[in-house]
C-alpha cells in the first residue's frame, strides 16, 4: 500500500521564506553592480554562511565550548540577509545605490570566505575525560626450586615414644548407676497401670510407655520398672 504524502507546513514556510530572501539578495547584488552569475552567487554565499554559523553554534554548545565566534558570524550573515530584505522594501532606490553599499556587496565574498574558513577549521573543544587508573599488573609468581632437606634418622628414644602404649586394664569396674528412691504409693499406682496395660495388650508394659503414662523422668521410670519386675 503506497504511503500518503503529507505536506509539512513548516517546510513549506521555510521554502517560501528562503525563496523570497534569495530573490531580495539577488536584486540587491544586481543593483550594486554584481551582474550575471555573480548576482545569483551572492544570496547563496549569505545563506550558506548563515547555516554554517548556526551548525557550528550547536556543535559548540553541545561540547560546552565558547560560542562567541560562532555568534559573531551568525550575526554577520543574518545582518546581510535581513539588510537586503529591508533595503528592497522600498527604502532604497535600487537604480541609484550608494557607493558604500556597492563597496559592502563587493567585499562580501572575502568576508564570507574568511568566516566560513574559521567556522570549518576551528578546533573542536574536547572536554577532559578522567582517565581511569590502570589496573595493577598481576603479580608474577616465581617458582623457586626448594631443596628438600634429608630427613634425620629416628633415634631409639623417638622409636620408643612413637610406639603405642598398651591400655592398662581397669582395676575397678564402673559403678552401677544409683536409682532414685520411689515412694510406695507411686509404685502401687505404677503397678495398676502396668496391670491395666497387660490386660489390654497382653504384653508387659515397657519403660518408655510407663514413663509416658506416669509422666515421670526417665531415671525415675527405670527405678519404678525395676521394682515392678
N, C-alpha and C. Protein backbone atom coordinates (compact mmCIF):
# COMPACT_ATOMS: atom_id res chain seq x y z
N UNK A 1 0.85 -1.19 0.00
CA UNK A 1 0.00 0.00 0.00
C UNK A 1 0.89 1.24 0.00
N UNK A 2 0.74 2.14 -1.02
CA UNK A 2 1.62 3.32 -1.09
C UNK A 2 1.36 4.25 0.09
N UNK A 3 2.44 4.84 0.57
CA UNK A 3 2.34 5.78 1.68
C UNK A 3 1.80 7.12 1.19
N UNK A 4 0.97 7.74 1.97
CA UNK A 4 0.40 9.03 1.63
C UNK A 4 1.41 10.13 1.94
N UNK A 5 1.52 11.06 0.99
CA UNK A 5 2.43 12.18 1.17
C UNK A 5 1.74 13.24 2.02
N UNK A 6 2.42 13.65 3.08
CA UNK A 6 1.90 14.68 3.96
C UNK A 6 2.71 15.96 3.79
N UNK A 7 2.00 17.04 3.61
CA UNK A 7 2.65 18.33 3.40
C UNK A 7 2.98 18.94 4.77
N UNK A 8 4.24 19.23 4.98
CA UNK A 8 4.68 19.84 6.23
C UNK A 8 4.59 21.35 6.09
N UNK A 9 3.75 21.98 6.92
CA UNK A 9 3.56 23.42 6.83
C UNK A 9 4.83 24.18 7.15
N UNK A 10 5.61 23.67 8.10
CA UNK A 10 6.86 24.34 8.45
C UNK A 10 7.84 24.31 7.29
N UNK A 11 7.91 23.15 6.60
CA UNK A 11 8.82 23.05 5.46
C UNK A 11 8.38 23.97 4.32
N UNK A 12 7.09 24.04 4.07
CA UNK A 12 6.59 24.93 3.02
C UNK A 12 6.91 26.38 3.34
N UNK A 13 6.72 26.75 4.63
CA UNK A 13 7.02 28.11 5.04
C UNK A 13 8.50 28.42 4.89
N UNK A 14 9.36 27.44 5.22
CA UNK A 14 10.79 27.65 5.08
C UNK A 14 11.18 27.83 3.62
N UNK A 15 10.56 27.06 2.72
CA UNK A 15 10.87 27.19 1.30
C UNK A 15 10.45 28.56 0.76
N UNK A 16 9.26 29.02 1.18
CA UNK A 16 8.78 30.32 0.71
C UNK A 16 9.68 31.45 1.22
N UNK A 17 9.99 31.39 2.53
CA UNK A 17 10.84 32.43 3.10
C UNK A 17 12.22 32.43 2.47
N UNK A 18 12.77 31.23 2.23
CA UNK A 18 14.09 31.15 1.60
C UNK A 18 14.08 31.68 0.19
N UNK A 19 13.01 31.41 -0.55
CA UNK A 19 12.93 31.91 -1.93
C UNK A 19 12.83 33.43 -1.97
N UNK A 20 12.03 34.01 -1.07
CA UNK A 20 11.90 35.46 -1.04
C UNK A 20 13.22 36.13 -0.63
N UNK A 21 13.86 35.56 0.41
CA UNK A 21 15.14 36.13 0.83
C UNK A 21 16.18 36.01 -0.27
N UNK A 22 16.18 34.87 -0.97
CA UNK A 22 17.11 34.67 -2.07
C UNK A 22 16.89 35.72 -3.16
N UNK A 23 15.61 36.00 -3.48
CA UNK A 23 15.31 36.98 -4.53
C UNK A 23 15.73 38.38 -4.10
N UNK A 24 15.50 38.73 -2.85
CA UNK A 24 15.89 40.06 -2.39
C UNK A 24 17.40 40.25 -2.42
N UNK A 25 18.14 39.23 -2.00
CA UNK A 25 19.59 39.33 -2.05
C UNK A 25 20.09 39.43 -3.49
N UNK A 26 19.44 38.72 -4.41
CA UNK A 26 19.84 38.78 -5.82
C UNK A 26 19.59 40.17 -6.39
N UNK A 27 18.43 40.73 -6.05
CA UNK A 27 18.11 42.06 -6.58
C UNK A 27 19.07 43.11 -6.05
N UNK A 28 19.42 43.00 -4.75
CA UNK A 28 20.35 43.98 -4.18
C UNK A 28 21.74 43.84 -4.79
N UNK A 29 22.20 42.59 -4.97
CA UNK A 29 23.51 42.39 -5.58
C UNK A 29 23.54 42.90 -7.02
N UNK A 30 22.45 42.67 -7.76
CA UNK A 30 22.41 43.16 -9.15
C UNK A 30 22.40 44.68 -9.19
N UNK A 31 21.67 45.30 -8.24
CA UNK A 31 21.63 46.77 -8.22
C UNK A 31 22.97 47.35 -7.82
N UNK A 32 23.77 46.60 -7.03
CA UNK A 32 25.08 47.09 -6.58
C UNK A 32 26.18 46.81 -7.58
N UNK A 33 25.82 46.32 -8.77
CA UNK A 33 26.82 46.16 -9.82
C UNK A 33 27.28 44.73 -10.04
N UNK A 34 26.71 43.76 -9.30
CA UNK A 34 27.10 42.36 -9.49
C UNK A 34 26.15 41.75 -10.52
N UNK A 35 26.59 41.69 -11.76
CA UNK A 35 25.73 41.22 -12.83
C UNK A 35 25.98 39.75 -13.13
N UNK A 36 25.03 39.17 -13.86
CA UNK A 36 25.17 37.79 -14.31
C UNK A 36 25.16 36.79 -13.16
N UNK A 37 26.04 35.81 -13.22
CA UNK A 37 26.08 34.75 -12.21
C UNK A 37 26.50 35.25 -10.84
N UNK A 38 27.18 36.41 -10.81
CA UNK A 38 27.61 36.97 -9.53
C UNK A 38 26.42 37.35 -8.66
N UNK A 39 25.38 37.87 -9.29
CA UNK A 39 24.19 38.25 -8.53
C UNK A 39 23.49 37.02 -7.96
N UNK A 40 23.56 35.88 -8.66
CA UNK A 40 22.95 34.64 -8.14
C UNK A 40 23.83 33.98 -7.08
N UNK A 41 25.13 34.15 -7.17
CA UNK A 41 26.01 33.53 -6.18
C UNK A 41 26.00 34.29 -4.86
N UNK A 42 25.66 35.59 -4.89
CA UNK A 42 25.67 36.38 -3.66
C UNK A 42 24.68 35.85 -2.62
N UNK A 43 23.42 35.61 -2.95
CA UNK A 43 22.50 35.07 -1.92
C UNK A 43 22.87 33.67 -1.45
N UNK A 44 23.47 32.86 -2.34
CA UNK A 44 23.90 31.53 -1.92
C UNK A 44 25.00 31.65 -0.86
N UNK A 45 25.93 32.57 -1.06
CA UNK A 45 27.02 32.75 -0.10
C UNK A 45 26.49 33.21 1.26
N UNK A 46 25.52 34.15 1.25
CA UNK A 46 24.97 34.65 2.51
C UNK A 46 24.25 33.54 3.27
N UNK A 47 23.40 32.78 2.57
CA UNK A 47 22.63 31.72 3.24
C UNK A 47 23.53 30.59 3.73
N UNK A 48 24.56 30.26 2.96
CA UNK A 48 25.47 29.20 3.40
C UNK A 48 26.23 29.61 4.66
N UNK A 49 26.67 30.86 4.73
CA UNK A 49 27.36 31.32 5.93
C UNK A 49 26.42 31.32 7.14
N UNK A 50 25.16 31.66 6.90
CA UNK A 50 24.18 31.65 7.99
C UNK A 50 23.96 30.23 8.52
N UNK A 51 23.84 29.26 7.61
CA UNK A 51 23.63 27.87 8.02
C UNK A 51 24.88 27.31 8.69
N UNK A 52 26.06 27.62 8.14
CA UNK A 52 27.31 27.11 8.73
C UNK A 52 27.53 27.67 10.13
N UNK A 53 27.21 28.95 10.34
CA UNK A 53 27.39 29.53 11.67
C UNK A 53 26.42 28.92 12.67
N UNK A 54 25.19 28.66 12.25
CA UNK A 54 24.21 28.05 13.16
C UNK A 54 24.60 26.62 13.52
N UNK A 55 25.09 25.87 12.53
CA UNK A 55 25.52 24.49 12.80
C UNK A 55 26.71 24.47 13.74
N UNK A 56 27.66 25.38 13.51
CA UNK A 56 28.84 25.45 14.39
C UNK A 56 28.43 25.85 15.81
N UNK A 57 27.44 26.71 15.89
CA UNK A 57 26.96 27.16 17.20
C UNK A 57 26.37 25.99 17.99
N UNK A 58 25.62 25.14 17.35
CA UNK A 58 25.04 23.98 18.03
C UNK A 58 26.11 22.99 18.46
N UNK A 59 27.13 22.80 17.63
CA UNK A 59 28.20 21.87 17.99
C UNK A 59 28.97 22.38 19.21
N UNK A 60 29.26 23.68 19.22
CA UNK A 60 30.00 24.24 20.36
C UNK A 60 29.18 24.19 21.63
N UNK A 61 27.89 24.39 21.53
CA UNK A 61 27.04 24.29 22.71
C UNK A 61 27.02 22.87 23.26
N UNK A 62 26.96 21.90 22.36
CA UNK A 62 26.97 20.51 22.80
C UNK A 62 28.28 20.14 23.50
N UNK A 63 29.40 20.66 22.98
CA UNK A 63 30.71 20.37 23.56
C UNK A 63 31.02 21.22 24.79
N UNK A 64 30.19 22.22 25.07
CA UNK A 64 30.47 23.09 26.20
C UNK A 64 31.59 24.07 25.94
N UNK A 65 31.83 24.41 24.68
CA UNK A 65 32.91 25.32 24.32
C UNK A 65 32.36 26.74 24.17
N UNK A 66 33.23 27.76 24.15
CA UNK A 66 32.77 29.14 23.93
C UNK A 66 32.12 29.30 22.55
N UNK A 67 31.05 30.07 22.49
CA UNK A 67 30.27 30.21 21.26
C UNK A 67 30.29 31.64 20.72
N UNK A 68 31.16 32.49 21.25
CA UNK A 68 31.13 33.89 20.82
C UNK A 68 31.51 34.04 19.34
N UNK A 69 32.49 33.30 18.86
CA UNK A 69 32.89 33.41 17.45
C UNK A 69 31.78 32.95 16.53
N UNK A 70 31.11 31.85 16.89
CA UNK A 70 30.00 31.38 16.06
C UNK A 70 28.85 32.38 16.07
N UNK A 71 28.58 32.99 17.23
CA UNK A 71 27.54 34.00 17.30
C UNK A 71 27.90 35.23 16.44
N UNK A 72 29.17 35.59 16.38
CA UNK A 72 29.60 36.74 15.59
C UNK A 72 29.30 36.54 14.11
N UNK A 73 29.71 35.37 13.57
CA UNK A 73 29.49 35.13 12.14
C UNK A 73 28.02 34.87 11.84
N UNK A 74 27.29 34.34 12.79
CA UNK A 74 25.84 34.19 12.60
C UNK A 74 25.18 35.56 12.52
N UNK A 75 25.61 36.51 13.37
CA UNK A 75 25.05 37.85 13.33
C UNK A 75 25.42 38.58 12.04
N UNK A 76 26.65 38.35 11.52
CA UNK A 76 27.06 38.99 10.27
C UNK A 76 26.21 38.50 9.11
N UNK A 77 26.02 37.18 9.01
CA UNK A 77 25.23 36.63 7.91
C UNK A 77 23.76 37.05 8.05
N UNK A 78 23.24 37.07 9.27
CA UNK A 78 21.85 37.48 9.47
C UNK A 78 21.65 38.95 9.13
N UNK A 79 22.64 39.78 9.46
CA UNK A 79 22.54 41.20 9.13
C UNK A 79 22.55 41.41 7.61
N UNK A 80 23.38 40.63 6.90
CA UNK A 80 23.42 40.76 5.44
C UNK A 80 22.10 40.34 4.81
N UNK A 81 21.53 39.24 5.32
CA UNK A 81 20.26 38.76 4.77
C UNK A 81 19.11 39.70 5.14
N UNK A 82 19.05 40.08 6.41
CA UNK A 82 17.97 40.96 6.85
C UNK A 82 18.09 42.35 6.22
N UNK A 83 19.33 42.84 6.07
CA UNK A 83 19.52 44.16 5.46
C UNK A 83 19.07 44.19 4.01
N UNK A 84 19.35 43.08 3.28
CA UNK A 84 18.92 43.04 1.88
C UNK A 84 17.41 43.01 1.77
N UNK A 85 16.75 42.27 2.67
CA UNK A 85 15.29 42.21 2.63
C UNK A 85 14.66 43.57 2.95
N UNK A 86 15.24 44.31 3.89
CA UNK A 86 14.70 45.62 4.24
C UNK A 86 15.00 46.66 3.14
N UNK A 87 16.20 46.54 2.58
CA UNK A 87 16.59 47.52 1.56
C UNK A 87 15.71 47.44 0.32
N UNK A 88 15.25 46.24 -0.02
CA UNK A 88 14.43 46.07 -1.22
C UNK A 88 12.95 46.30 -0.95
N UNK A 89 12.61 46.77 0.24
CA UNK A 89 11.20 47.00 0.57
C UNK A 89 10.75 48.40 0.20
N UNK A 90 11.55 49.14 -0.57
CA UNK A 90 11.21 50.49 -0.99
C UNK A 90 11.97 51.56 -0.25
N UNK A 91 12.77 51.18 0.72
CA UNK A 91 13.55 52.17 1.47
C UNK A 91 14.80 52.59 0.72
N UNK A 92 15.16 51.83 -0.31
CA UNK A 92 16.39 52.12 -1.05
C UNK A 92 16.06 52.17 -2.53
N UNK A 93 16.60 53.17 -3.20
CA UNK A 93 16.43 53.30 -4.64
C UNK A 93 17.43 52.40 -5.33
N UNK A 94 16.94 51.28 -5.86
CA UNK A 94 17.84 50.32 -6.48
C UNK A 94 18.46 50.83 -7.77
N UNK A 95 17.91 51.91 -8.34
CA UNK A 95 18.52 52.47 -9.55
C UNK A 95 19.70 53.37 -9.22
N UNK A 96 19.74 53.85 -7.98
CA UNK A 96 20.86 54.69 -7.56
C UNK A 96 21.36 54.20 -6.20
N UNK A 97 22.13 53.12 -6.20
CA UNK A 97 22.65 52.50 -4.98
C UNK A 97 23.82 53.34 -4.48
N UNK A 98 23.87 53.66 -3.18
CA UNK A 98 25.00 54.44 -2.67
C UNK A 98 26.31 53.67 -2.80
N UNK A 99 27.39 54.46 -2.83
CA UNK A 99 28.71 53.85 -3.04
C UNK A 99 29.09 52.90 -1.89
N UNK A 100 28.75 53.25 -0.63
CA UNK A 100 29.14 52.40 0.49
C UNK A 100 28.49 51.03 0.42
N UNK A 101 27.23 50.98 -0.13
CA UNK A 101 26.57 49.69 -0.27
C UNK A 101 27.21 48.86 -1.37
N UNK A 102 27.63 49.51 -2.44
CA UNK A 102 28.33 48.78 -3.50
C UNK A 102 29.64 48.21 -2.98
N UNK A 103 30.30 48.99 -2.11
CA UNK A 103 31.56 48.51 -1.54
C UNK A 103 31.31 47.30 -0.63
N UNK A 104 30.25 47.33 0.18
CA UNK A 104 29.93 46.20 1.05
C UNK A 104 29.59 44.94 0.26
N UNK A 105 28.81 45.11 -0.79
CA UNK A 105 28.44 43.95 -1.61
C UNK A 105 29.67 43.38 -2.32
N UNK A 106 30.54 44.26 -2.80
CA UNK A 106 31.74 43.78 -3.50
C UNK A 106 32.71 43.11 -2.52
N UNK A 107 32.76 43.57 -1.30
CA UNK A 107 33.69 42.98 -0.34
C UNK A 107 33.11 41.78 0.42
N UNK A 108 31.85 41.46 0.16
CA UNK A 108 31.24 40.34 0.87
C UNK A 108 31.91 39.00 0.61
N UNK A 109 32.31 38.66 -0.61
CA UNK A 109 32.93 37.35 -0.84
C UNK A 109 34.15 37.10 0.05
N UNK A 110 35.00 38.10 0.20
CA UNK A 110 36.17 37.90 1.05
C UNK A 110 35.77 37.71 2.51
N UNK A 111 34.78 38.48 2.96
CA UNK A 111 34.32 38.35 4.34
C UNK A 111 33.67 36.98 4.56
N UNK A 112 32.87 36.54 3.61
CA UNK A 112 32.22 35.24 3.75
C UNK A 112 33.22 34.10 3.70
N UNK A 113 34.25 34.22 2.86
CA UNK A 113 35.29 33.18 2.78
C UNK A 113 36.04 33.09 4.11
N UNK A 114 36.36 34.25 4.70
CA UNK A 114 37.06 34.24 5.98
C UNK A 114 36.20 33.61 7.08
N UNK A 115 34.93 33.98 7.15
CA UNK A 115 34.06 33.40 8.17
C UNK A 115 33.84 31.92 8.00
N UNK A 116 33.63 31.49 6.76
CA UNK A 116 33.43 30.05 6.53
C UNK A 116 34.66 29.24 6.88
N UNK A 117 35.85 29.79 6.56
CA UNK A 117 37.10 29.09 6.87
C UNK A 117 37.30 28.95 8.38
N UNK A 118 37.05 30.04 9.10
CA UNK A 118 37.22 29.99 10.55
C UNK A 118 36.20 29.06 11.20
N UNK A 119 34.99 29.01 10.67
CA UNK A 119 33.97 28.13 11.25
C UNK A 119 34.29 26.66 10.99
N UNK A 120 34.78 26.36 9.81
CA UNK A 120 35.02 24.96 9.45
C UNK A 120 36.29 24.43 10.11
N UNK A 121 37.33 25.23 10.14
CA UNK A 121 38.63 24.74 10.61
C UNK A 121 38.92 25.11 12.06
N UNK A 122 37.96 25.64 12.77
CA UNK A 122 38.18 25.92 14.19
C UNK A 122 38.27 24.61 14.95
N UNK A 123 39.26 24.46 15.84
CA UNK A 123 39.40 23.19 16.59
C UNK A 123 38.21 22.97 17.50
N UNK A 124 37.75 21.75 17.52
CA UNK A 124 36.63 21.39 18.40
C UNK A 124 37.13 21.28 19.83
N UNK A 125 36.30 21.79 20.73
CA UNK A 125 36.65 21.74 22.16
C UNK A 125 36.33 20.36 22.69
N UNK A 126 37.31 19.75 23.27
CA UNK A 126 37.14 18.41 23.82
C UNK A 126 37.16 18.50 25.34
N UNK A 127 36.11 18.01 25.93
CA UNK A 127 36.03 18.01 27.39
C UNK A 127 37.02 17.00 27.95
N UNK A 128 37.79 17.40 28.96
CA UNK A 128 38.77 16.46 29.52
C UNK A 128 38.08 15.30 30.18
N UNK A 129 38.54 14.15 29.84
CA UNK A 129 37.98 12.93 30.42
C UNK A 129 38.95 12.38 31.45
N UNK A 130 38.37 11.95 32.50
CA UNK A 130 39.17 11.37 33.58
C UNK A 130 39.61 9.98 33.18
N UNK A 131 40.92 9.84 32.97
CA UNK A 131 41.43 8.53 32.60
C UNK A 131 41.39 7.60 33.79
N UNK A 132 40.77 6.47 33.64
CA UNK A 132 40.75 5.55 34.78
C UNK A 132 42.14 5.03 35.09
N UNK A 133 42.36 4.84 36.34
CA UNK A 133 43.66 4.33 36.76
C UNK A 133 43.89 2.94 36.18
N UNK A 134 45.06 2.70 35.63
CA UNK A 134 45.31 1.37 35.04
C UNK A 134 45.26 0.30 36.10
N UNK A 135 44.72 -0.82 35.68
CA UNK A 135 44.61 -1.94 36.61
C UNK A 135 46.00 -2.45 36.96
N UNK A 136 46.20 -2.75 38.23
CA UNK A 136 47.53 -3.24 38.62
C UNK A 136 47.86 -4.55 37.93
N UNK A 137 49.10 -4.64 37.50
CA UNK A 137 49.53 -5.86 36.81
C UNK A 137 49.54 -7.02 37.79
N UNK A 138 49.09 -8.16 37.33
CA UNK A 138 49.08 -9.30 38.25
C UNK A 138 50.49 -9.69 38.68
N UNK A 139 50.58 -9.96 39.93
CA UNK A 139 51.90 -10.32 40.49
C UNK A 139 52.40 -11.60 39.84
N UNK A 140 53.63 -11.55 39.40
CA UNK A 140 54.21 -12.71 38.73
C UNK A 140 54.85 -13.60 39.78
N UNK A 141 54.29 -14.75 39.85
CA UNK A 141 54.80 -15.70 40.84
C UNK A 141 55.95 -16.48 40.23
N UNK A 142 57.00 -16.50 40.95
CA UNK A 142 58.18 -17.25 40.50
C UNK A 142 58.35 -18.47 41.37
N UNK A 143 58.41 -19.57 40.72
CA UNK A 143 58.55 -20.84 41.43
C UNK A 143 60.02 -21.09 41.71
N UNK A 144 60.33 -21.05 42.95
CA UNK A 144 61.73 -21.29 43.34
C UNK A 144 61.91 -22.75 43.67
N UNK A 145 63.00 -23.25 43.21
CA UNK A 145 63.30 -24.65 43.48
C UNK A 145 63.80 -24.76 44.91
N UNK A 146 63.04 -25.47 45.69
CA UNK A 146 63.39 -25.65 47.10
C UNK A 146 63.96 -27.05 47.27
N UNK A 147 65.17 -27.08 47.77
CA UNK A 147 65.80 -28.37 48.01
C UNK A 147 65.28 -28.96 49.31
N UNK A 148 64.85 -30.20 49.21
CA UNK A 148 64.29 -30.88 50.38
C UNK A 148 65.43 -31.40 51.26
N UNK A 149 65.36 -30.97 52.52
CA UNK A 149 66.41 -31.40 53.45
C UNK A 149 66.24 -32.88 53.77
N UNK A 150 67.32 -33.58 53.91
CA UNK A 150 67.21 -35.01 54.24
C UNK A 150 66.62 -35.21 55.63
N UNK A 151 65.75 -36.20 55.72
CA UNK A 151 65.11 -36.49 57.00
C UNK A 151 66.11 -37.17 57.93
N UNK A 152 66.13 -36.73 59.21
CA UNK A 152 67.07 -37.36 60.15
C UNK A 152 66.62 -38.77 60.50
N UNK A 153 67.62 -39.62 60.76
CA UNK A 153 67.31 -41.00 61.14
C UNK A 153 66.69 -41.04 62.54
N UNK A 154 65.65 -41.84 62.72
CA UNK A 154 64.98 -41.89 64.02
C UNK A 154 65.92 -42.48 65.09
N UNK A 155 65.90 -41.86 66.24
CA UNK A 155 66.69 -42.34 67.37
C UNK A 155 65.90 -43.38 68.15
N UNK A 156 66.57 -44.17 68.94
CA UNK A 156 65.83 -45.18 69.73
C UNK A 156 64.80 -44.55 70.65
N UNK A 157 65.09 -43.36 71.19
CA UNK A 157 64.11 -42.72 72.07
C UNK A 157 62.86 -42.34 71.30
N UNK A 158 63.04 -41.85 70.03
CA UNK A 158 61.88 -41.46 69.23
C UNK A 158 61.06 -42.67 68.84
N UNK A 159 61.74 -43.81 68.56
CA UNK A 159 61.00 -45.03 68.21
C UNK A 159 60.16 -45.48 69.38
N UNK A 160 60.76 -45.45 70.60
CA UNK A 160 60.00 -45.88 71.77
C UNK A 160 58.83 -44.94 72.04
N UNK A 161 59.01 -43.62 71.76
CA UNK A 161 57.92 -42.67 72.01
C UNK A 161 56.81 -42.83 71.01
N UNK A 162 57.14 -43.28 69.75
CA UNK A 162 56.11 -43.40 68.73
C UNK A 162 55.31 -44.68 68.86
N UNK A 163 55.81 -45.66 69.60
CA UNK A 163 55.07 -46.91 69.75
C UNK A 163 53.87 -46.70 70.66
N UNK A 164 52.71 -47.28 70.29
CA UNK A 164 51.51 -47.09 71.11
C UNK A 164 51.68 -47.75 72.47
N UNK A 165 51.20 -47.03 73.48
CA UNK A 165 51.27 -47.56 74.84
C UNK A 165 50.03 -48.40 75.10
N UNK A 166 50.20 -49.67 75.50
CA UNK A 166 49.01 -50.52 75.73
C UNK A 166 48.19 -49.97 76.90
N UNK A 167 46.88 -50.05 76.71
CA UNK A 167 45.98 -49.55 77.74
C UNK A 167 45.99 -50.49 78.92
N UNK A 168 46.09 -49.92 80.10
CA UNK A 168 46.11 -50.73 81.33
C UNK A 168 44.70 -51.17 81.69
N UNK A 169 44.55 -52.41 82.12
CA UNK A 169 43.20 -52.85 82.49
C UNK A 169 42.70 -52.09 83.70
N UNK A 170 41.40 -51.86 83.67
CA UNK A 170 40.79 -51.12 84.77
C UNK A 170 40.81 -51.98 86.03
N UNK A 171 41.31 -51.38 87.10
CA UNK A 171 41.40 -52.15 88.36
C UNK A 171 40.06 -52.25 89.05
N UNK A 172 39.18 -51.33 88.77
CA UNK A 172 37.85 -51.33 89.40
C UNK A 172 36.79 -51.16 88.33
N UNK A 173 35.76 -52.00 88.33
CA UNK A 173 34.67 -51.83 87.36
C UNK A 173 33.91 -50.53 87.65
N UNK A 174 33.24 -50.02 86.57
CA UNK A 174 32.47 -48.79 86.71
C UNK A 174 31.29 -49.03 87.63
N UNK A 175 31.05 -48.12 88.54
CA UNK A 175 29.92 -48.32 89.47
C UNK A 175 28.58 -48.26 88.74
N UNK A 176 27.68 -49.11 89.20
CA UNK A 176 26.34 -49.15 88.61
C UNK A 176 25.59 -47.88 88.97
N UNK A 177 24.75 -47.38 88.05
CA UNK A 177 24.01 -46.16 88.35
C UNK A 177 23.08 -46.35 89.54
N UNK A 178 23.01 -45.35 90.39
CA UNK A 178 22.16 -45.40 91.58
C UNK A 178 20.78 -44.92 91.21
N UNK A 179 19.77 -45.79 91.39
CA UNK A 179 18.39 -45.43 91.07
C UNK A 179 17.78 -44.67 92.22
N UNK A 180 16.99 -43.66 91.89
CA UNK A 180 16.38 -42.88 92.96
C UNK A 180 15.33 -43.71 93.72
N UNK A 181 15.11 -43.28 94.95
CA UNK A 181 14.09 -43.95 95.76
C UNK A 181 12.71 -43.59 95.25
N UNK A 182 11.82 -44.62 95.23
CA UNK A 182 10.47 -44.43 94.70
C UNK A 182 9.49 -44.60 95.85
N UNK A 183 8.57 -43.66 96.02
CA UNK A 183 7.56 -43.83 97.07
C UNK A 183 6.69 -45.06 96.82
N UNK A 184 6.23 -45.66 97.91
CA UNK A 184 5.41 -46.87 97.78
C UNK A 184 4.11 -46.58 97.06
N UNK A 185 3.52 -45.39 97.29
CA UNK A 185 2.26 -45.06 96.63
C UNK A 185 2.44 -44.97 95.12
N UNK A 186 3.60 -44.43 94.69
CA UNK A 186 3.85 -44.33 93.25
C UNK A 186 4.08 -45.70 92.65
N UNK A 187 4.75 -46.58 93.42
CA UNK A 187 4.94 -47.94 92.91
C UNK A 187 3.61 -48.64 92.77
N UNK A 188 2.70 -48.48 93.76
CA UNK A 188 1.39 -49.12 93.69
C UNK A 188 0.60 -48.61 92.50
N UNK A 189 0.68 -47.29 92.25
CA UNK A 189 -0.04 -46.74 91.10
C UNK A 189 0.55 -47.24 89.79
N UNK A 190 1.88 -47.35 89.76
CA UNK A 190 2.52 -47.85 88.55
C UNK A 190 2.17 -49.30 88.29
N UNK A 191 2.00 -50.07 89.39
CA UNK A 191 1.64 -51.47 89.21
C UNK A 191 0.24 -51.59 88.59
N UNK A 192 -0.68 -50.71 89.02
CA UNK A 192 -2.04 -50.74 88.45
C UNK A 192 -1.99 -50.37 86.96
N UNK A 193 -1.16 -49.39 86.64
CA UNK A 193 -1.02 -49.01 85.23
C UNK A 193 -0.45 -50.15 84.42
N UNK A 194 0.54 -50.84 84.99
CA UNK A 194 1.16 -51.96 84.26
C UNK A 194 0.18 -53.10 84.08
N UNK A 195 -0.63 -53.41 85.15
CA UNK A 195 -1.61 -54.48 85.03
C UNK A 195 -2.68 -54.13 84.01
N UNK A 196 -3.09 -52.87 83.98
CA UNK A 196 -4.10 -52.46 83.01
C UNK A 196 -3.57 -52.56 81.58
N UNK A 197 -2.30 -52.19 81.41
CA UNK A 197 -1.70 -52.28 80.07
C UNK A 197 -1.59 -53.73 79.62
N UNK A 198 -1.18 -54.62 80.53
CA UNK A 198 -1.05 -56.03 80.16
C UNK A 198 -2.40 -56.66 79.88
N UNK A 199 -3.44 -56.19 80.61
CA UNK A 199 -4.77 -56.74 80.37
C UNK A 199 -5.30 -56.30 79.00
N UNK A 200 -4.97 -55.10 78.58
CA UNK A 200 -5.47 -54.61 77.30
C UNK A 200 -4.65 -55.11 76.12
N UNK A 201 -3.34 -55.19 76.29
CA UNK A 201 -2.47 -55.54 75.16
C UNK A 201 -1.96 -56.98 75.22
N UNK A 202 -1.99 -57.60 76.40
CA UNK A 202 -1.47 -58.95 76.53
C UNK A 202 0.03 -59.00 76.64
N UNK A 203 0.69 -57.87 76.77
CA UNK A 203 2.15 -57.81 76.87
C UNK A 203 2.51 -56.91 78.04
N UNK A 204 3.59 -57.23 78.74
CA UNK A 204 4.00 -56.37 79.85
C UNK A 204 4.36 -54.97 79.35
N UNK A 205 4.17 -54.02 80.20
CA UNK A 205 4.45 -52.64 79.82
C UNK A 205 5.95 -52.39 79.79
N UNK A 206 6.39 -51.60 78.80
CA UNK A 206 7.83 -51.26 78.72
C UNK A 206 8.09 -49.96 79.45
N UNK A 207 9.37 -49.66 79.60
CA UNK A 207 9.77 -48.49 80.40
C UNK A 207 9.31 -47.18 79.76
N UNK A 208 9.41 -47.07 78.45
CA UNK A 208 9.02 -45.82 77.78
C UNK A 208 7.53 -45.56 77.93
N UNK A 209 6.72 -46.64 77.77
CA UNK A 209 5.28 -46.46 77.92
C UNK A 209 4.92 -46.11 79.36
N UNK A 210 5.62 -46.75 80.30
CA UNK A 210 5.37 -46.46 81.71
C UNK A 210 5.74 -45.00 82.03
N UNK A 211 6.83 -44.54 81.47
CA UNK A 211 7.24 -43.16 81.72
C UNK A 211 6.21 -42.18 81.18
N UNK A 212 5.66 -42.50 79.98
CA UNK A 212 4.67 -41.61 79.40
C UNK A 212 3.37 -41.63 80.19
N UNK A 213 2.94 -42.83 80.60
CA UNK A 213 1.68 -42.94 81.34
C UNK A 213 1.76 -42.26 82.70
N UNK A 214 2.93 -42.34 83.33
CA UNK A 214 3.07 -41.74 84.66
C UNK A 214 3.51 -40.28 84.60
N UNK A 215 4.15 -39.89 83.50
CA UNK A 215 4.62 -38.52 83.39
C UNK A 215 5.79 -38.23 84.28
N UNK A 216 6.73 -39.18 84.38
CA UNK A 216 7.88 -39.03 85.26
C UNK A 216 9.13 -39.01 84.41
N UNK A 217 10.28 -38.56 84.96
CA UNK A 217 11.54 -38.59 84.21
C UNK A 217 11.98 -40.01 83.90
N UNK A 218 12.93 -40.11 82.96
CA UNK A 218 13.37 -41.43 82.52
C UNK A 218 14.06 -42.20 83.64
N UNK A 219 14.87 -41.52 84.45
CA UNK A 219 15.59 -42.21 85.54
C UNK A 219 14.61 -42.76 86.59
N UNK A 220 13.56 -41.96 86.89
CA UNK A 220 12.56 -42.43 87.84
C UNK A 220 11.73 -43.57 87.26
N UNK A 221 11.50 -43.51 85.94
CA UNK A 221 10.76 -44.60 85.30
C UNK A 221 11.56 -45.89 85.33
N UNK A 222 12.88 -45.80 85.20
CA UNK A 222 13.72 -47.00 85.28
C UNK A 222 13.66 -47.59 86.69
N UNK A 223 13.67 -46.72 87.69
CA UNK A 223 13.60 -47.23 89.08
C UNK A 223 12.26 -47.90 89.35
N UNK A 224 11.16 -47.34 88.82
CA UNK A 224 9.83 -47.95 89.02
C UNK A 224 9.75 -49.27 88.28
N UNK A 225 10.28 -49.34 87.06
CA UNK A 225 10.25 -50.60 86.29
C UNK A 225 11.08 -51.66 86.97
N UNK A 226 12.18 -51.26 87.62
CA UNK A 226 13.00 -52.23 88.32
C UNK A 226 12.24 -52.84 89.51
N UNK A 227 11.40 -52.07 90.17
CA UNK A 227 10.62 -52.58 91.32
C UNK A 227 9.41 -53.37 90.86
N UNK A 228 8.91 -53.10 89.64
CA UNK A 228 7.77 -53.89 89.15
C UNK A 228 8.20 -55.25 88.59
N UNK A 229 9.48 -55.40 88.28
CA UNK A 229 9.93 -56.64 87.68
C UNK A 229 9.94 -57.78 88.70
